[in-house]
Structure formats: structure tokens, C-alpha cells
Amino acid sequence: MRILLVEDEERMAQALCEILRQENYEADHCGDGVNGQYTIETGVYDVVILDVMLPGKNGFDITKEVRKKGIRTLGRRNIHSPDGTLTFGDIFLNPGASSLSSGENNVRLSEKELRILEYLISNQGQILTREQIARTGSG
């Protein structure tokens, strides 16, 4: 899976890209909105992780413009399995066991990590602000 990260905070971008690569994803990075939009429009990506507050052009404007150009965006889909597990691609979040798994990898999560991931997976396809995510984690 090929992922584009559009994030202007260099240290955060480097850390996220490294984590994604360790999980065997191809991860590319753009540090501003103008280059990010160009890369979205000209590249072939399965997923784009897009910051909102970017130099050059903000994430909201980028999203609106790429949708106008017919670039498909993630829509809502059924993410809950009968046992309460949430899914995102090949990632499974089990709130009852406070665990996250992908393939043979399984990680136990803190309460804060669980709340944040549950919120993100439950809001797939939505634009979420850093503040919304932070409020979820401080729950």
C-alpha cells in the first residue's frame, strides 16, 4: 500500500513515515500544501494523510479541490464486525481487549491510545482537527 503524508512538522513527518515503513507501507512525504496537492493529483496513492494547517494551502482547500477534479475520496463503510472489532484496511482494533493487530502483529494499547484509534477509525473519511483528536485522547 502506498501512502502520502502531507505534514509540515518535519519531526512528526519523519516519525510517521518511519513507522509506516516498518509496517511495510510505502510512505512518501510532502511538507507544504502546494506540493502536497500536486503530488496527490499526479501520484498514485492508496491513502493520503493530510494535515489541515499547512503552509501554502490548507488541508481543507486541498480536499475540496481534489474532489472537484474527480479524485476519489474515502467514503463511509461498515467498519464494525459482529464482535465489536473495528477495521481499517488490514488493521483490526479490538476495544474489548484493548489491542491493535495487523497480520501476525498484535499490540496492547493504553486507554488513551485505544480511545484515539477508535475515534479515528470510527471517523474514516472525515476531516478531523488536532483539537478534536486531542479531546478524544484526554477523555
Protein backbone atom coordinates (compact mmCIF):
# COMPACT_ATOMS: atom_id res chain seq x y z
CA MET A 1 0.00 0.00 0.00
CA ARG A 2 1.35 3.42 -0.95
CA ILE A 3 0.70 6.30 1.47
CA LEU A 4 1.30 10.03 1.06
CA LEU A 5 1.79 12.09 4.21
CA VAL A 6 1.28 15.84 3.81
CA GLU A 7 2.65 17.32 7.04
CA ASP A 8 4.73 20.43 7.66
CA GLU A 9 6.14 19.43 11.06
CA GLU A 10 9.31 17.67 9.90
CA ARG A 11 9.99 15.62 13.04
CA MET A 12 6.45 14.32 13.16
CA ALA A 13 6.52 13.51 9.44
CA GLN A 14 9.80 11.63 9.75
CA ALA A 15 8.49 9.60 12.70
CA LEU A 16 5.21 8.73 10.98
CA CYS A 17 6.92 7.76 7.73
CA GLU A 18 9.37 5.56 9.63
CA ILE A 19 6.54 3.79 11.47
CA LEU A 20 4.66 3.25 8.21
CA ARG A 21 7.78 1.86 6.52
CA GLN A 22 8.40 -0.50 9.45
CA GLU A 23 4.88 -1.82 8.83
CA ASN A 24 5.85 -2.43 5.17
CA TYR A 25 3.96 0.50 3.68
CA GLU A 26 5.48 2.73 1.01
CA ALA A 27 5.41 6.22 2.52
CA ASP A 28 6.11 9.50 0.73
CA HIS A 29 6.10 12.93 2.35
CA CYS A 30 5.33 16.50 1.26
CA GLY A 31 5.96 19.40 3.61
CA ASP A 32 3.52 22.01 2.29
CA GLY A 33 0.06 22.29 0.81
CA VAL A 34 1.00 23.30 -2.73
CA ASN A 35 3.39 20.37 -3.25
CA GLY A 36 1.00 18.10 -1.39
CA GLN A 37 -1.88 18.88 -3.73
CA TYR A 38 0.33 18.49 -6.80
CA THR A 39 1.56 15.11 -5.55
CA ILE A 40 -1.99 13.94 -4.76
CA GLU A 41 -3.12 14.90 -8.28
CA THR A 42 -0.14 13.41 -10.12
CA GLY A 43 0.79 10.43 -7.93
CA VAL A 44 -0.86 7.09 -7.37
CA TYR A 45 -1.66 6.66 -3.68
CA ASP A 46 -3.94 4.30 -1.82
CA VAL A 47 -4.17 6.64 1.17
CA VAL A 48 -3.37 10.29 1.85
CA ILE A 49 -2.84 11.54 5.39
CA LEU A 50 -3.42 15.27 5.15
CA ASP A 51 -2.71 17.88 7.83
CA VAL A 52 -5.09 20.83 7.98
CA MET A 53 -2.73 23.68 8.90
CA LEU A 54 -0.14 23.70 6.10
CA PRO A 55 1.97 26.44 4.57
CA GLY A 56 0.94 27.39 1.04
CA LYS A 57 -2.53 25.82 1.08
CA ASN A 58 -4.54 24.31 3.91
CA GLY A 59 -5.83 20.75 4.00
CA PHE A 60 -9.50 21.76 3.70
CA ASP A 61 -8.87 23.62 0.44
CA ILE A 62 -6.78 20.76 -0.93
CA THR A 63 -9.58 18.29 -0.17
CA LYS A 64 -12.20 20.46 -1.87
CA GLU A 65 -10.05 20.96 -4.97
CA VAL A 66 -9.06 17.33 -5.47
CA ARG A 67 -12.70 16.27 -5.07
CA LYS A 68 -13.70 18.77 -7.79
CA LYS A 69 -11.13 17.17 -10.09
CA GLY A 70 -12.77 13.80 -9.62
CA ILE A 71 -10.18 12.24 -7.36
CA ARG A 72 -11.94 9.61 -5.31
CA THR A 73 -12.05 10.17 -1.58
CA LEU A 74 -12.69 7.64 1.12
CA GLY A 75 -16.35 7.24 1.89
CA ARG A 76 -18.03 5.72 4.89
CA ARG A 77 -18.20 1.99 5.08
CA ASN A 78 -19.20 -0.58 7.65
CA ILE A 79 -16.23 -0.76 9.98
CA HIS A 80 -17.72 -2.76 12.85
CA SER A 81 -17.65 -6.54 12.90
CA PRO A 82 -20.21 -8.54 14.89
CA ASP A 83 -17.75 -8.97 17.80
CA GLY A 84 -17.16 -5.19 18.11
CA THR A 85 -13.78 -5.18 16.37
CA LEU A 86 -13.15 -2.09 14.21
CA THR A 87 -11.30 -2.46 10.92
CA PHE A 88 -9.26 -0.15 8.74
CA GLY A 89 -7.70 -1.94 5.78
CA ASP A 90 -5.79 -4.86 7.29
CA ILE A 91 -5.68 -3.26 10.76
CA PHE A 92 -8.03 -4.55 13.46
CA LEU A 93 -8.83 -2.69 16.67
CA ASN A 94 -10.40 -4.77 19.43
CA PRO A 95 -11.74 -2.36 22.09
CA GLY A 96 -12.72 -5.20 24.43
CA ALA A 97 -9.14 -6.48 24.56
CA SER A 98 -7.50 -3.03 24.15
CA SER A 99 -5.44 -4.42 21.28
CA LEU A 100 -4.46 -3.50 17.75
CA SER A 101 -3.46 -6.16 15.25
CA SER A 102 -2.26 -6.40 11.68
CA GLY A 103 -1.27 -9.74 10.22
CA GLU A 104 0.61 -11.61 12.91
CA ASN A 105 1.49 -8.43 14.85
CA ASN A 106 -0.53 -7.63 17.95
CA VAL A 107 -0.05 -4.62 20.24
CA ARG A 108 -1.65 -3.94 23.61
CA LEU A 109 -2.87 -0.33 23.83
CA SER A 110 -3.16 2.15 26.67
CA GLU A 111 -6.62 3.56 27.34
CA LYS A 112 -5.64 6.85 25.65
CA GLU A 113 -4.27 5.08 22.55
CA LEU A 114 -7.41 2.96 22.35
CA ARG A 115 -9.74 6.00 22.52
CA ILE A 116 -7.78 7.90 19.86
CA LEU A 117 -7.59 4.96 17.43
CA GLU A 118 -11.25 4.09 17.98
CA TYR A 119 -12.16 7.71 17.22
CA LEU A 120 -10.00 7.83 14.07
CA ILE A 121 -11.29 4.52 12.69
CA SER A 122 -14.89 5.41 13.51
CA ASN A 123 -14.50 8.69 11.62
CA GLN A 124 -12.90 7.35 8.44
CA GLY A 125 -13.29 9.76 5.56
CA GLN A 126 -13.89 12.72 7.86
CA ILE A 127 -11.59 15.68 8.32
CA LEU A 128 -10.66 15.84 11.99
CA THR A 129 -8.81 18.67 13.66
CA ARG A 130 -5.89 18.16 16.01
CA GLU A 131 -8.08 19.59 18.77
CA GLN A 132 -10.84 17.02 18.18
CA ILE A 133 -8.32 14.19 18.35
CA ALA A 134 -6.66 15.66 21.45
CA ARG A 135 -10.02 15.96 23.24
CA THR A 136 -10.69 12.30 22.49
CA GLY A 137 -7.34 11.27 23.93
CA SER A 138 -7.78 13.31 27.10
CA GLY A 139 -11.27 11.82 27.61
